[in-house]
Amino acid sequence: MRDDGGVDVINRGYSAAKDAWSEAQGKAYFVDSTDVGHLKVSFFGPFYASYVVFALDAQDYQYAFVTGYDRSYLWLLARTPAVSDDVVAQFIALSGQLGFDTDRLVFVEH
């Protein structure tokens, strides 16, 4: 948590082609209240994007299913490079129920 009521955000990924890690640090703020999974997130100064959490590992906070406010984005965010096949299946099923074209999903190799 940040002193200003926000949340520090760190997105980290590894590029096998470059044999290097990259990292982006940002900040997020709850749009409504802290018990509603709708945040505005910024990695680039005053520009914010909407993150709407539509499913969450509430036990251990190991993954979240996230979309943009207008549903133009869709992510399965995880703390580890790999998640179980069950989590992937849940993500695909729930995303499909919400109207996303799950045939267009891209899963990256880690």
PDB file of N, CA and C in Angstrom:
ATOM      1  N   MET A   1       0.836  -1.187   0.000  1.00  0.00           N
ATOM      2  CA  MET A   1       0.000   0.000   0.000  1.00  0.00           C
ATOM      3  C   MET A   1       0.876   1.245   0.000  1.00  0.00           C
ATOM      4  N   ARG A   2       0.398   2.264  -0.643  1.00  0.00           N
ATOM      5  CA  ARG A   2       1.107   3.547  -0.712  1.00  0.00           C
ATOM      6  C   ARG A   2       0.609   4.469   0.414  1.00  0.00           C
ATOM      7  N   ASP A   3       1.439   5.400   0.796  1.00  0.00           N
ATOM      8  CA  ASP A   3       1.064   6.367   1.827  1.00  0.00           C
ATOM      9  C   ASP A   3      -0.121   7.228   1.411  1.00  0.00           C
ATOM     10  N   ASP A   4      -0.323   7.399   0.098  1.00  0.00           N
ATOM     11  CA  ASP A   4      -1.419   8.242  -0.387  1.00  0.00           C
ATOM     12  C   ASP A   4      -2.720   7.470  -0.606  1.00  0.00           C
ATOM     13  N   GLY A   5      -2.783   6.215  -0.101  1.00  0.00           N
ATOM     14  CA  GLY A   5      -3.997   5.410  -0.220  1.00  0.00           C
ATOM     15  C   GLY A   5      -4.042   4.537  -1.446  1.00  0.00           C
ATOM     16  N   GLY A   6      -3.063   4.652  -2.305  1.00  0.00           N
ATOM     17  CA  GLY A   6      -3.006   3.817  -3.500  1.00  0.00           C
ATOM     18  C   GLY A   6      -2.257   2.524  -3.255  1.00  0.00           C
ATOM     19  N   VAL A   7      -1.984   1.840  -4.339  1.00  0.00           N
ATOM     20  CA  VAL A   7      -1.297   0.555  -4.309  1.00  0.00           C
ATOM     21  C   VAL A   7      -0.125   0.618  -5.281  1.00  0.00           C
ATOM     22  N   ASP A   8       1.063   0.214  -4.834  1.00  0.00           N
ATOM     23  CA  ASP A   8       2.192   0.100  -5.750  1.00  0.00           C
ATOM     24  C   ASP A   8       1.974  -1.092  -6.670  1.00  0.00           C
ATOM     25  N   VAL A   9       2.305  -0.927  -7.938  1.00  0.00           N
ATOM     26  CA  VAL A   9       2.133  -1.981  -8.934  1.00  0.00           C
ATOM     27  C   VAL A   9       3.473  -2.225  -9.618  1.00  0.00           C
ATOM     28  N   ILE A  10       3.861  -3.491  -9.700  1.00  0.00           N
ATOM     29  CA  ILE A  10       5.077  -3.862 -10.416  1.00  0.00           C
ATOM     30  C   ILE A  10       4.724  -4.957 -11.405  1.00  0.00           C
ATOM     31  N   ASN A  11       4.919  -4.680 -12.682  1.00  0.00           N
ATOM     32  CA  ASN A  11       4.758  -5.690 -13.731  1.00  0.00           C
ATOM     33  C   ASN A  11       6.148  -6.082 -14.193  1.00  0.00           C
ATOM     34  N   ARG A  12       6.417  -7.368 -14.165  1.00  0.00           N
ATOM     35  CA  ARG A  12       7.746  -7.857 -14.505  1.00  0.00           C
ATOM     36  C   ARG A  12       7.605  -9.015 -15.484  1.00  0.00           C
ATOM     37  N   GLY A  13       8.481  -9.022 -16.479  1.00  0.00           N
ATOM     38  CA  GLY A  13       8.460 -10.101 -17.461  1.00  0.00           C
ATOM     39  C   GLY A  13       9.853 -10.402 -17.968  1.00  0.00           C
ATOM     40  N   TYR A  14      10.015 -11.599 -18.458  1.00  0.00           N
ATOM     41  CA  TYR A  14      11.313 -12.044 -18.961  1.00  0.00           C
ATOM     42  C   TYR A  14      11.227 -12.279 -20.458  1.00  0.00           C
ATOM     43  N   SER A  15      12.172 -11.744 -21.189  1.00  0.00           N
ATOM     44  CA  SER A  15      12.256 -11.963 -22.625  1.00  0.00           C
ATOM     45  C   SER A  15      13.358 -12.980 -22.896  1.00  0.00           C
ATOM     46  N   ALA A  16      12.968 -14.159 -23.348  1.00  0.00           N
ATOM     47  CA  ALA A  16      13.968 -15.182 -23.674  1.00  0.00           C
ATOM     48  C   ALA A  16      14.805 -14.736 -24.865  1.00  0.00           C
ATOM     49  N   ALA A  17      14.205 -14.025 -25.808  1.00  0.00           N
ATOM     50  CA  ALA A  17      14.934 -13.564 -26.987  1.00  0.00           C
ATOM     51  C   ALA A  17      16.044 -12.587 -26.609  1.00  0.00           C
ATOM     52  N   LYS A  18      15.783 -11.749 -25.616  1.00  0.00           N
ATOM     53  CA  LYS A  18      16.772 -10.770 -25.170  1.00  0.00           C
ATOM     54  C   LYS A  18      17.572 -11.261 -23.970  1.00  0.00           C
ATOM     55  N   ASP A  19      17.154 -12.401 -23.414  1.00  0.00           N
ATOM     56  CA  ASP A  19      17.780 -12.945 -22.222  1.00  0.00           C
ATOM     57  C   ASP A  19      17.857 -11.880 -21.129  1.00  0.00           C
ATOM     58  N   ALA A  20      16.713 -11.204 -20.914  1.00  0.00           N
ATOM     59  CA  ALA A  20      16.703 -10.110 -19.951  1.00  0.00           C
ATOM     60  C   ALA A  20      15.307  -9.923 -19.354  1.00  0.00           C
ATOM     61  N   TRP A  21      15.292  -9.431 -18.136  1.00  0.00           N
ATOM     62  CA  TRP A  21      14.056  -9.071 -17.459  1.00  0.00           C
ATOM     63  C   TRP A  21      13.724  -7.616 -17.762  1.00  0.00           C
ATOM     64  N   SER A  22      12.447  -7.313 -17.820  1.00  0.00           N
ATOM     65  CA  SER A  22      12.023  -5.917 -17.894  1.00  0.00           C
ATOM     66  C   SER A  22      10.983  -5.705 -16.804  1.00  0.00           C
ATOM     67  N   GLU A  23      10.890  -4.482 -16.345  1.00  0.00           N
ATOM     68  CA  GLU A  23       9.994  -4.193 -15.240  1.00  0.00           C
ATOM     69  C   GLU A  23       9.391  -2.807 -15.420  1.00  0.00           C
ATOM     70  N   ALA A  24       8.126  -2.707 -15.109  1.00  0.00           N
ATOM     71  CA  ALA A  24       7.436  -1.425 -15.126  1.00  0.00           C
ATOM     72  C   ALA A  24       6.822  -1.202 -13.752  1.00  0.00           C
ATOM     73  N   GLN A  25       7.103  -0.047 -13.176  1.00  0.00           N
ATOM     74  CA  GLN A  25       6.537   0.292 -11.877  1.00  0.00           C
ATOM     75  C   GLN A  25       5.450   1.332 -12.072  1.00  0.00           C
ATOM     76  N   GLY A  26       4.349   1.121 -11.386  1.00  0.00           N
ATOM     77  CA  GLY A  26       3.238   2.041 -11.495  1.00  0.00           C
ATOM     78  C   GLY A  26       2.531   2.202 -10.174  1.00  0.00           C
ATOM     79  N   LYS A  27       1.376   2.821 -10.258  1.00  0.00           N
ATOM     80  CA  LYS A  27       0.553   3.036  -9.078  1.00  0.00           C
ATOM     81  C   LYS A  27      -0.904   2.849  -9.456  1.00  0.00           C
ATOM     82  N   ALA A  28      -1.686   2.440  -8.482  1.00  0.00           N
ATOM     83  CA  ALA A  28      -3.108   2.198  -8.715  1.00  0.00           C
ATOM     84  C   ALA A  28      -3.917   2.803  -7.577  1.00  0.00           C
ATOM     85  N   TYR A  29      -5.127   3.209  -7.917  1.00  0.00           N
ATOM     86  CA  TYR A  29      -6.039   3.765  -6.925  1.00  0.00           C
ATOM     87  C   TYR A  29      -7.412   3.149  -7.137  1.00  0.00           C
ATOM     88  N   PHE A  30      -8.097   2.854  -6.046  1.00  0.00           N
ATOM     89  CA  PHE A  30      -9.447   2.313  -6.140  1.00  0.00           C
ATOM     90  C   PHE A  30     -10.385   3.392  -6.665  1.00  0.00           C
ATOM     91  N   VAL A  31     -11.236   3.019  -7.604  1.00  0.00           N
ATOM     92  CA  VAL A  31     -12.167   3.979  -8.209  1.00  0.00           C
ATOM     93  C   VAL A  31     -13.338   4.232  -7.270  1.00  0.00           C
ATOM     94  N   ASP A  32     -13.875   3.183  -6.694  1.00  0.00           N
ATOM     95  CA  ASP A  32     -15.022   3.336  -5.791  1.00  0.00           C
ATOM     96  C   ASP A  32     -14.572   3.180  -4.340  1.00  0.00           C
ATOM     97  N   SER A  33     -14.443   1.951  -3.907  1.00  0.00           N
ATOM     98  CA  SER A  33     -13.998   1.681  -2.544  1.00  0.00           C
ATOM     99  C   SER A  33     -13.031   0.501  -2.574  1.00  0.00           C
ATOM    100  N   THR A  34     -12.352   0.296  -1.467  1.00  0.00           N
ATOM    101  CA  THR A  34     -11.309  -0.742  -1.427  1.00  0.00           C
ATOM    102  C   THR A  34     -11.867  -2.159  -1.489  1.00  0.00           C
ATOM    103  N   ASP A  35     -13.174  -2.328  -1.380  1.00  0.00           N
ATOM    104  CA  ASP A  35     -13.742  -3.668  -1.488  1.00  0.00           C
ATOM    105  C   ASP A  35     -14.404  -3.913  -2.848  1.00  0.00           C
ATOM    106  N   VAL A  36     -14.147  -3.016  -3.795  1.00  0.00           N
ATOM    107  CA  VAL A  36     -14.641  -3.176  -5.168  1.00  0.00           C
ATOM    108  C   VAL A  36     -13.424  -3.257  -6.087  1.00  0.00           C
ATOM    109  N   GLY A  37     -13.344  -4.302  -6.892  1.00  0.00           N
ATOM    110  CA  GLY A  37     -12.186  -4.535  -7.748  1.00  0.00           C
ATOM    111  C   GLY A  37     -12.164  -3.690  -9.004  1.00  0.00           C
ATOM    112  N   HIS A  38     -12.240  -2.395  -8.834  1.00  0.00           N
ATOM    113  CA  HIS A  38     -12.139  -1.473  -9.966  1.00  0.00           C
ATOM    114  C   HIS A  38     -11.087  -0.435  -9.612  1.00  0.00           C
ATOM    115  N   LEU A  39      -9.969  -0.477 -10.336  1.00  0.00           N
ATOM    116  CA  LEU A  39      -8.860   0.425 -10.050  1.00  0.00           C
ATOM    117  C   LEU A  39      -8.486   1.222 -11.290  1.00  0.00           C
ATOM    118  N   LYS A  40      -7.914   2.386 -11.057  1.00  0.00           N
ATOM    119  CA  LYS A  40      -7.285   3.116 -12.147  1.00  0.00           C
ATOM    120  C   LYS A  40      -5.786   2.962 -11.927  1.00  0.00           C
ATOM    121  N   VAL A  41      -5.076   2.570 -12.994  1.00  0.00           N
ATOM    122  CA  VAL A  41      -3.669   2.206 -12.898  1.00  0.00           C
ATOM    123  C   VAL A  41      -2.863   3.066 -13.862  1.00  0.00           C
ATOM    124  N   SER A  42      -1.720   3.547 -13.385  1.00  0.00           N
ATOM    125  CA  SER A  42      -0.851   4.363 -14.217  1.00  0.00           C
ATOM    126  C   SER A  42       0.575   3.848 -14.183  1.00  0.00           C
ATOM    127  N   PHE A  43       1.141   3.692 -15.355  1.00  0.00           N
ATOM    128  CA  PHE A  43       2.565   3.387 -15.500  1.00  0.00           C
ATOM    129  C   PHE A  43       3.287   4.555 -16.166  1.00  0.00           C
ATOM    130  N   PHE A  44       2.516   5.507 -16.696  1.00  0.00           N
ATOM    131  CA  PHE A  44       3.077   6.597 -17.486  1.00  0.00           C
ATOM    132  C   PHE A  44       2.506   7.938 -17.039  1.00  0.00           C
ATOM    133  N   GLY A  45       3.017   8.448 -15.945  1.00  0.00           N
ATOM    134  CA  GLY A  45       2.651   9.789 -15.500  1.00  0.00           C
ATOM    135  C   GLY A  45       1.179   9.977 -15.229  1.00  0.00           C
ATOM    136  N   PRO A  46       0.568  10.973 -15.845  1.00  0.00           N
ATOM    137  CA  PRO A  46      -0.821  11.291 -15.512  1.00  0.00           C
ATOM    138  C   PRO A  46      -1.848  10.449 -16.268  1.00  0.00           C
ATOM    139  N   PHE A  47      -1.410   9.476 -17.032  1.00  0.00           N
ATOM    140  CA  PHE A  47      -2.328   8.675 -17.844  1.00  0.00           C
ATOM    141  C   PHE A  47      -2.720   7.410 -17.087  1.00  0.00           C
ATOM    142  N   TYR A  48      -4.019   7.171 -16.970  1.00  0.00           N
ATOM    143  CA  TYR A  48      -4.527   6.031 -16.212  1.00  0.00           C
ATOM    144  C   TYR A  48      -5.355   5.124 -17.115  1.00  0.00           C
ATOM    145  N   ALA A  49      -5.298   3.840 -16.811  1.00  0.00           N
ATOM    146  CA  ALA A  49      -6.138   2.848 -17.475  1.00  0.00           C
ATOM    147  C   ALA A  49      -6.986   2.172 -16.402  1.00  0.00           C
ATOM    148  N   SER A  50      -8.125   1.698 -16.800  1.00  0.00           N
ATOM    149  CA  SER A  50      -9.034   1.052 -15.875  1.00  0.00           C
ATOM    150  C   SER A  50      -8.733  -0.441 -15.799  1.00  0.00           C
ATOM    151  N   TYR A  51      -8.612  -0.965 -14.592  1.00  0.00           N
ATOM    152  CA  TYR A  51      -8.481  -2.401 -14.351  1.00  0.00           C
ATOM    153  C   TYR A  51      -9.717  -2.833 -13.576  1.00  0.00           C
ATOM    154  N   VAL A  52     -10.512  -3.720 -14.180  1.00  0.00           N
ATOM    155  CA  VAL A  52     -11.690  -4.254 -13.514  1.00  0.00           C
ATOM    156  C   VAL A  52     -11.417  -5.726 -13.225  1.00  0.00           C
ATOM    157  N   VAL A  53     -11.313  -6.053 -11.947  1.00  0.00           N
ATOM    158  CA  VAL A  53     -11.034  -7.428 -11.522  1.00  0.00           C
ATOM    159  C   VAL A  53     -12.360  -8.170 -11.484  1.00  0.00           C
ATOM    160  N   PHE A  54     -12.497  -9.198 -12.342  1.00  0.00           N
ATOM    161  CA  PHE A  54     -13.757  -9.942 -12.357  1.00  0.00           C
ATOM    162  C   PHE A  54     -13.632 -11.325 -11.738  1.00  0.00           C
ATOM    163  N   ALA A  55     -12.445 -11.716 -11.344  1.00  0.00           N
ATOM    164  CA  ALA A  55     -12.237 -12.940 -10.558  1.00  0.00           C
ATOM    165  C   ALA A  55     -10.877 -12.815  -9.887  1.00  0.00           C
ATOM    166  N   LEU A  56     -10.784 -13.440  -8.711  1.00  0.00           N
ATOM    167  CA  LEU A  56      -9.583 -13.277  -7.898  1.00  0.00           C
ATOM    168  C   LEU A  56      -9.366 -14.512  -7.045  1.00  0.00           C
ATOM    169  N   ASP A  57      -8.119 -14.910  -6.898  1.00  0.00           N
ATOM    170  CA  ASP A  57      -7.766 -15.952  -5.943  1.00  0.00           C
ATOM    171  C   ASP A  57      -7.817 -15.311  -4.561  1.00  0.00           C
ATOM    172  N   ALA A  58      -8.967 -15.340  -3.932  1.00  0.00           N
ATOM    173  CA  ALA A  58      -9.169 -14.644  -2.667  1.00  0.00           C
ATOM    174  C   ALA A  58      -8.458 -15.323  -1.497  1.00  0.00           C
ATOM    175  N   GLN A  59      -8.026 -16.556  -1.686  1.00  0.00           N
ATOM    176  CA  GLN A  59      -7.338 -17.250  -0.593  1.00  0.00           C
ATOM    177  C   GLN A  59      -5.883 -16.812  -0.477  1.00  0.00           C
ATOM    178  N   ASP A  60      -5.149 -16.839  -1.591  1.00  0.00           N
ATOM    179  CA  ASP A  60      -3.713 -16.546  -1.555  1.00  0.00           C
ATOM    180  C   ASP A  60      -3.295 -15.378  -2.451  1.00  0.00           C
ATOM    181  N   TYR A  61      -4.245 -14.801  -3.195  1.00  0.00           N
ATOM    182  CA  TYR A  61      -3.958 -13.688  -4.110  1.00  0.00           C
ATOM    183  C   TYR A  61      -2.843 -14.033  -5.104  1.00  0.00           C
ATOM    184  N   GLN A  62      -2.921 -15.238  -5.688  1.00  0.00           N
ATOM    185  CA  GLN A  62      -1.903 -15.678  -6.632  1.00  0.00           C
ATOM    186  C   GLN A  62      -2.239 -15.299  -8.071  1.00  0.00           C
ATOM    187  N   TYR A  63      -3.510 -15.018  -8.356  1.00  0.00           N
ATOM    188  CA  TYR A  63      -3.894 -14.635  -9.715  1.00  0.00           C
ATOM    189  C   TYR A  63      -5.149 -13.766  -9.670  1.00  0.00           C
ATOM    190  N   ALA A  64      -5.345 -13.035 -10.763  1.00  0.00           N
ATOM    191  CA  ALA A  64      -6.550 -12.224 -10.934  1.00  0.00           C
ATOM    192  C   ALA A  64      -6.926 -12.238 -12.408  1.00  0.00           C
ATOM    193  N   PHE A  65      -8.205 -12.212 -12.687  1.00  0.00           N
ATOM    194  CA  PHE A  65      -8.720 -12.074 -14.043  1.00  0.00           C
ATOM    195  C   PHE A  65      -9.158 -10.617 -14.174  1.00  0.00           C
ATOM    196  N   VAL A  66      -8.615  -9.924 -15.168  1.00  0.00           N
ATOM    197  CA  VAL A  66      -8.787  -8.473 -15.257  1.00  0.00           C
ATOM    198  C   VAL A  66      -9.169  -8.072 -16.676  1.00  0.00           C
ATOM    199  N   THR A  67     -10.029  -7.084 -16.771  1.00  0.00           N
ATOM    200  CA  THR A  67     -10.392  -6.496 -18.052  1.00  0.00           C
ATOM    201  C   THR A  67     -10.325  -4.978 -17.925  1.00  0.00           C
ATOM    202  N   GLY A  68     -10.363  -4.311 -19.060  1.00  0.00           N
ATOM    203  CA  GLY A  68     -10.492  -2.866 -19.055  1.00  0.00           C
ATOM    204  C   GLY A  68     -11.951  -2.503 -18.870  1.00  0.00           C
ATOM    205  N   TYR A  69     -12.212  -1.248 -18.572  1.00  0.00           N
ATOM    206  CA  TYR A  69     -13.586  -0.795 -18.333  1.00  0.00           C
ATOM    207  C   TYR A  69     -14.479  -1.039 -19.545  1.00  0.00           C
ATOM    208  N   ASP A  70     -13.922  -0.822 -20.740  1.00  0.00           N
ATOM    209  CA  ASP A  70     -14.712  -1.005 -21.956  1.00  0.00           C
ATOM    210  C   ASP A  70     -14.522  -2.396 -22.568  1.00  0.00           C
ATOM    211  N   ARG A  71     -13.875  -3.284 -21.834  1.00  0.00           N
ATOM    212  CA  ARG A  71     -13.630  -4.675 -22.243  1.00  0.00           C
ATOM    213  C   ARG A  71     -12.742  -4.790 -23.476  1.00  0.00           C
ATOM    214  N   SER A  72     -11.923  -3.790 -23.717  1.00  0.00           N
ATOM    215  CA  SER A  72     -11.008  -3.871 -24.856  1.00  0.00           C
ATOM    216  C   SER A  72      -9.718  -4.611 -24.502  1.00  0.00           C
ATOM    217  N   TYR A  73      -9.535  -4.910 -23.233  1.00  0.00           N
ATOM    218  CA  TYR A  73      -8.367  -5.652 -22.773  1.00  0.00           C
ATOM    219  C   TYR A  73      -8.823  -6.805 -21.898  1.00  0.00           C
ATOM    220  N   LEU A  74      -7.993  -7.843 -21.852  1.00  0.00           N
ATOM    221  CA  LEU A  74      -8.291  -9.005 -21.019  1.00  0.00           C
ATOM    222  C   LEU A  74      -6.979  -9.642 -20.601  1.00  0.00           C
ATOM    223  N   TRP A  75      -6.794  -9.828 -19.292  1.00  0.00           N
ATOM    224  CA  TRP A  75      -5.560 -10.418 -18.790  1.00  0.00           C
ATOM    225  C   TRP A  75      -5.839 -11.462 -17.719  1.00  0.00           C
ATOM    226  N   LEU A  76      -4.985 -12.445 -17.684  1.00  0.00           N
ATOM    227  CA  LEU A  76      -4.868 -13.339 -16.542  1.00  0.00           C
ATOM    228  C   LEU A  76      -3.528 -12.942 -15.905  1.00  0.00           C
ATOM    229  N   LEU A  77      -3.582 -12.241 -14.793  1.00  0.00           N
ATOM    230  CA  LEU A  77      -2.377 -11.776 -14.114  1.00  0.00           C
ATOM    231  C   LEU A  77      -2.048 -12.741 -12.985  1.00  0.00           C
ATOM    232  N   ALA A  78      -0.776 -13.116 -12.867  1.00  0.00           N
ATOM    233  CA  ALA A  78      -0.371 -14.078 -11.843  1.00  0.00           C
ATOM    234  C   ALA A  78       0.954 -13.666 -11.223  1.00  0.00           C
ATOM    235  N   ARG A  79       1.179 -14.136 -10.018  1.00  0.00           N
ATOM    236  CA  ARG A  79       2.436 -13.862  -9.324  1.00  0.00           C
ATOM    237  C   ARG A  79       3.552 -14.803  -9.767  1.00  0.00           C
ATOM    238  N   THR A  80       3.197 -15.871 -10.446  1.00  0.00           N
ATOM    239  CA  THR A  80       4.172 -16.865 -10.881  1.00  0.00           C
ATOM    240  C   THR A  80       4.118 -16.994 -12.401  1.00  0.00           C
ATOM    241  N   PRO A  81       5.197 -17.488 -13.012  1.00  0.00           N
ATOM    242  CA  PRO A  81       5.204 -17.629 -14.475  1.00  0.00           C
ATOM    243  C   PRO A  81       4.168 -18.622 -15.005  1.00  0.00           C
ATOM    244  N   ALA A  82       3.760 -19.561 -14.194  1.00  0.00           N
ATOM    245  CA  ALA A  82       2.800 -20.569 -14.643  1.00  0.00           C
ATOM    246  C   ALA A  82       1.658 -20.684 -13.640  1.00  0.00           C
ATOM    247  N   VAL A  83       0.483 -20.955 -14.156  1.00  0.00           N
ATOM    248  CA  VAL A  83      -0.674 -21.251 -13.315  1.00  0.00           C
ATOM    249  C   VAL A  83      -1.193 -22.625 -13.720  1.00  0.00           C
ATOM    250  N   SER A  84      -2.002 -23.211 -12.881  1.00  0.00           N
ATOM    251  CA  SER A  84      -2.512 -24.558 -13.153  1.00  0.00           C
ATOM    252  C   SER A  84      -3.449 -24.563 -14.353  1.00  0.00           C
ATOM    253  N   ASP A  85      -3.607 -25.728 -14.936  1.00  0.00           N
ATOM    254  CA  ASP A  85      -4.556 -25.887 -16.038  1.00  0.00           C
ATOM    255  C   ASP A  85      -5.972 -25.544 -15.587  1.00  0.00           C
ATOM    256  N   ASP A  86      -6.295 -25.821 -14.311  1.00  0.00           N
ATOM    257  CA  ASP A  86      -7.620 -25.494 -13.787  1.00  0.00           C
ATOM    258  C   ASP A  86      -7.866 -23.981 -13.796  1.00  0.00           C
ATOM    259  N   VAL A  87      -6.854 -23.203 -13.424  1.00  0.00           N
ATOM    260  CA  VAL A  87      -6.996 -21.741 -13.428  1.00  0.00           C
ATOM    261  C   VAL A  87      -7.192 -21.244 -14.856  1.00  0.00           C
ATOM    262  N   VAL A  88      -6.418 -21.780 -15.794  1.00  0.00           N
ATOM    263  CA  VAL A  88      -6.567 -21.385 -17.201  1.00  0.00           C
ATOM    264  C   VAL A  88      -7.969 -21.735 -17.696  1.00  0.00           C
ATOM    265  N   ALA A  89      -8.451 -22.920 -17.352  1.00  0.00           N
ATOM    266  CA  ALA A  89      -9.792 -23.340 -17.771  1.00  0.00           C
ATOM    267  C   ALA A  89     -10.855 -22.419 -17.177  1.00  0.00           C
ATOM    268  N   GLN A  90     -10.693 -22.039 -15.908  1.00  0.00           N
ATOM    269  CA  GLN A  90     -11.641 -21.112 -15.282  1.00  0.00           C
ATOM    270  C   GLN A  90     -11.618 -19.761 -15.982  1.00  0.00           C
ATOM    271  N   PHE A  91     -10.419 -19.298 -16.307  1.00  0.00           N
ATOM    272  CA  PHE A  91     -10.264 -18.012 -16.994  1.00  0.00           C
ATOM    273  C   PHE A  91     -10.977 -18.035 -18.345  1.00  0.00           C
ATOM    274  N   ILE A  92     -10.753 -19.086 -19.117  1.00  0.00           N
ATOM    275  CA  ILE A  92     -11.380 -19.199 -20.433  1.00  0.00           C
ATOM    276  C   ILE A  92     -12.898 -19.277 -20.301  1.00  0.00           C
ATOM    277  N   ALA A  93     -13.372 -20.108 -19.386  1.00  0.00           N
ATOM    278  CA  ALA A  93     -14.816 -20.287 -19.227  1.00  0.00           C
ATOM    279  C   ALA A  93     -15.491 -18.988 -18.779  1.00  0.00           C
ATOM    280  N   LEU A  94     -14.963 -18.342 -17.765  1.00  0.00           N
ATOM    281  CA  LEU A  94     -15.581 -17.118 -17.258  1.00  0.00           C
ATOM    282  C   LEU A  94     -15.486 -15.989 -18.276  1.00  0.00           C
ATOM    283  N   SER A  95     -14.359 -15.891 -18.956  1.00  0.00           N
ATOM    284  CA  SER A  95     -14.209 -14.864 -19.993  1.00  0.00           C
ATOM    285  C   SER A  95     -15.223 -15.073 -21.108  1.00  0.00           C
ATOM    286  N   GLY A  96     -15.423 -16.330 -21.510  1.00  0.00           N
ATOM    287  CA  GLY A  96     -16.418 -16.638 -22.530  1.00  0.00           C
ATOM    288  C   GLY A  96     -17.824 -16.286 -22.081  1.00  0.00           C
ATOM    289  N   GLN A  97     -18.144 -16.581 -20.817  1.00  0.00           N
ATOM    290  CA  GLN A  97     -19.464 -16.245 -20.276  1.00  0.00           C
ATOM    291  C   GLN A  97     -19.702 -14.735 -20.278  1.00  0.00           C
ATOM    292  N   LEU A  98     -18.623 -13.975 -20.148  1.00  0.00           N
ATOM    293  CA  LEU A  98     -18.743 -12.516 -20.140  1.00  0.00           C
ATOM    294  C   LEU A  98     -18.733 -11.908 -21.539  1.00  0.00           C
ATOM    295  N   GLY A  99     -18.652 -12.769 -22.554  1.00  0.00           N
ATOM    296  CA  GLY A  99     -18.761 -12.290 -23.930  1.00  0.00           C
ATOM    297  C   GLY A  99     -17.453 -12.068 -24.661  1.00  0.00           C
ATOM    298  N   PHE A 100     -16.332 -12.434 -24.054  1.00  0.00           N
ATOM    299  CA  PHE A 100     -15.055 -12.295 -24.741  1.00  0.00           C
ATOM    300  C   PHE A 100     -14.879 -13.410 -25.758  1.00  0.00           C
ATOM    301  N   ASP A 101     -14.239 -13.106 -26.867  1.00  0.00           N
ATOM    302  CA  ASP A 101     -13.924 -14.099 -27.892  1.00  0.00           C
ATOM    303  C   ASP A 101     -12.681 -14.859 -27.435  1.00  0.00           C
ATOM    304  N   THR A 102     -12.883 -15.970 -26.762  1.00  0.00           N
ATOM    305  CA  THR A 102     -11.766 -16.713 -26.175  1.00  0.00           C
ATOM    306  C   THR A 102     -10.905 -17.412 -27.227  1.00  0.00           C
ATOM    307  N   ASP A 103     -11.368 -17.468 -28.464  1.00  0.00           N
ATOM    308  CA  ASP A 103     -10.531 -18.029 -29.549  1.00  0.00           C
ATOM    309  C   ASP A 103      -9.360 -17.099 -29.870  1.00  0.00           C
ATOM    310  N   ARG A 104      -9.461 -15.849 -29.445  1.00  0.00           N
ATOM    311  CA  ARG A 104      -8.410 -14.861 -29.739  1.00  0.00           C
ATOM    312  C   ARG A 104      -7.395 -14.738 -28.595  1.00  0.00           C
ATOM    313  N   LEU A 105      -7.569 -15.513 -27.513  1.00  0.00           N
ATOM    314  CA  LEU A 105      -6.637 -15.422 -26.387  1.00  0.00           C
ATOM    315  C   LEU A 105      -5.240 -15.863 -26.790  1.00  0.00           C
ATOM    316  N   VAL A 106      -4.250 -15.197 -26.227  1.00  0.00           N
ATOM    317  CA  VAL A 106      -2.839 -15.513 -26.472  1.00  0.00           C
ATOM    318  C   VAL A 106      -2.219 -15.848 -25.130  1.00  0.00           C
ATOM    319  N   PHE A 107      -1.650 -17.025 -25.014  1.00  0.00           N
ATOM    320  CA  PHE A 107      -0.958 -17.429 -23.798  1.00  0.00           C
ATOM    321  C   PHE A 107       0.524 -17.466 -24.110  1.00  0.00           C
ATOM    322  N   VAL A 108       1.292 -16.713 -23.361  1.00  0.00           N
ATOM    323  CA  VAL A 108       2.720 -16.622 -23.623  1.00  0.00           C
ATOM    324  C   VAL A 108       3.469 -17.760 -22.953  1.00  0.00           C
ATOM    325  N   GLU A 109       4.598 -18.116 -23.564  1.00  0.00           N
ATOM    326  CA  GLU A 109       5.478 -19.126 -22.980  1.00  0.00           C
ATOM    327  C   GLU A 109       6.362 -18.451 -21.940  1.00  0.00           C
ATOM    328  N   HIS A 110       6.519 -19.102 -20.813  1.00  0.00           N
ATOM    329  CA  HIS A 110       7.389 -18.572 -19.749  1.00  0.00           C
ATOM    330  C   HIS A 110       8.572 -19.487 -19.560  1.00  0.00           C
TER     331      HIS A 110
END
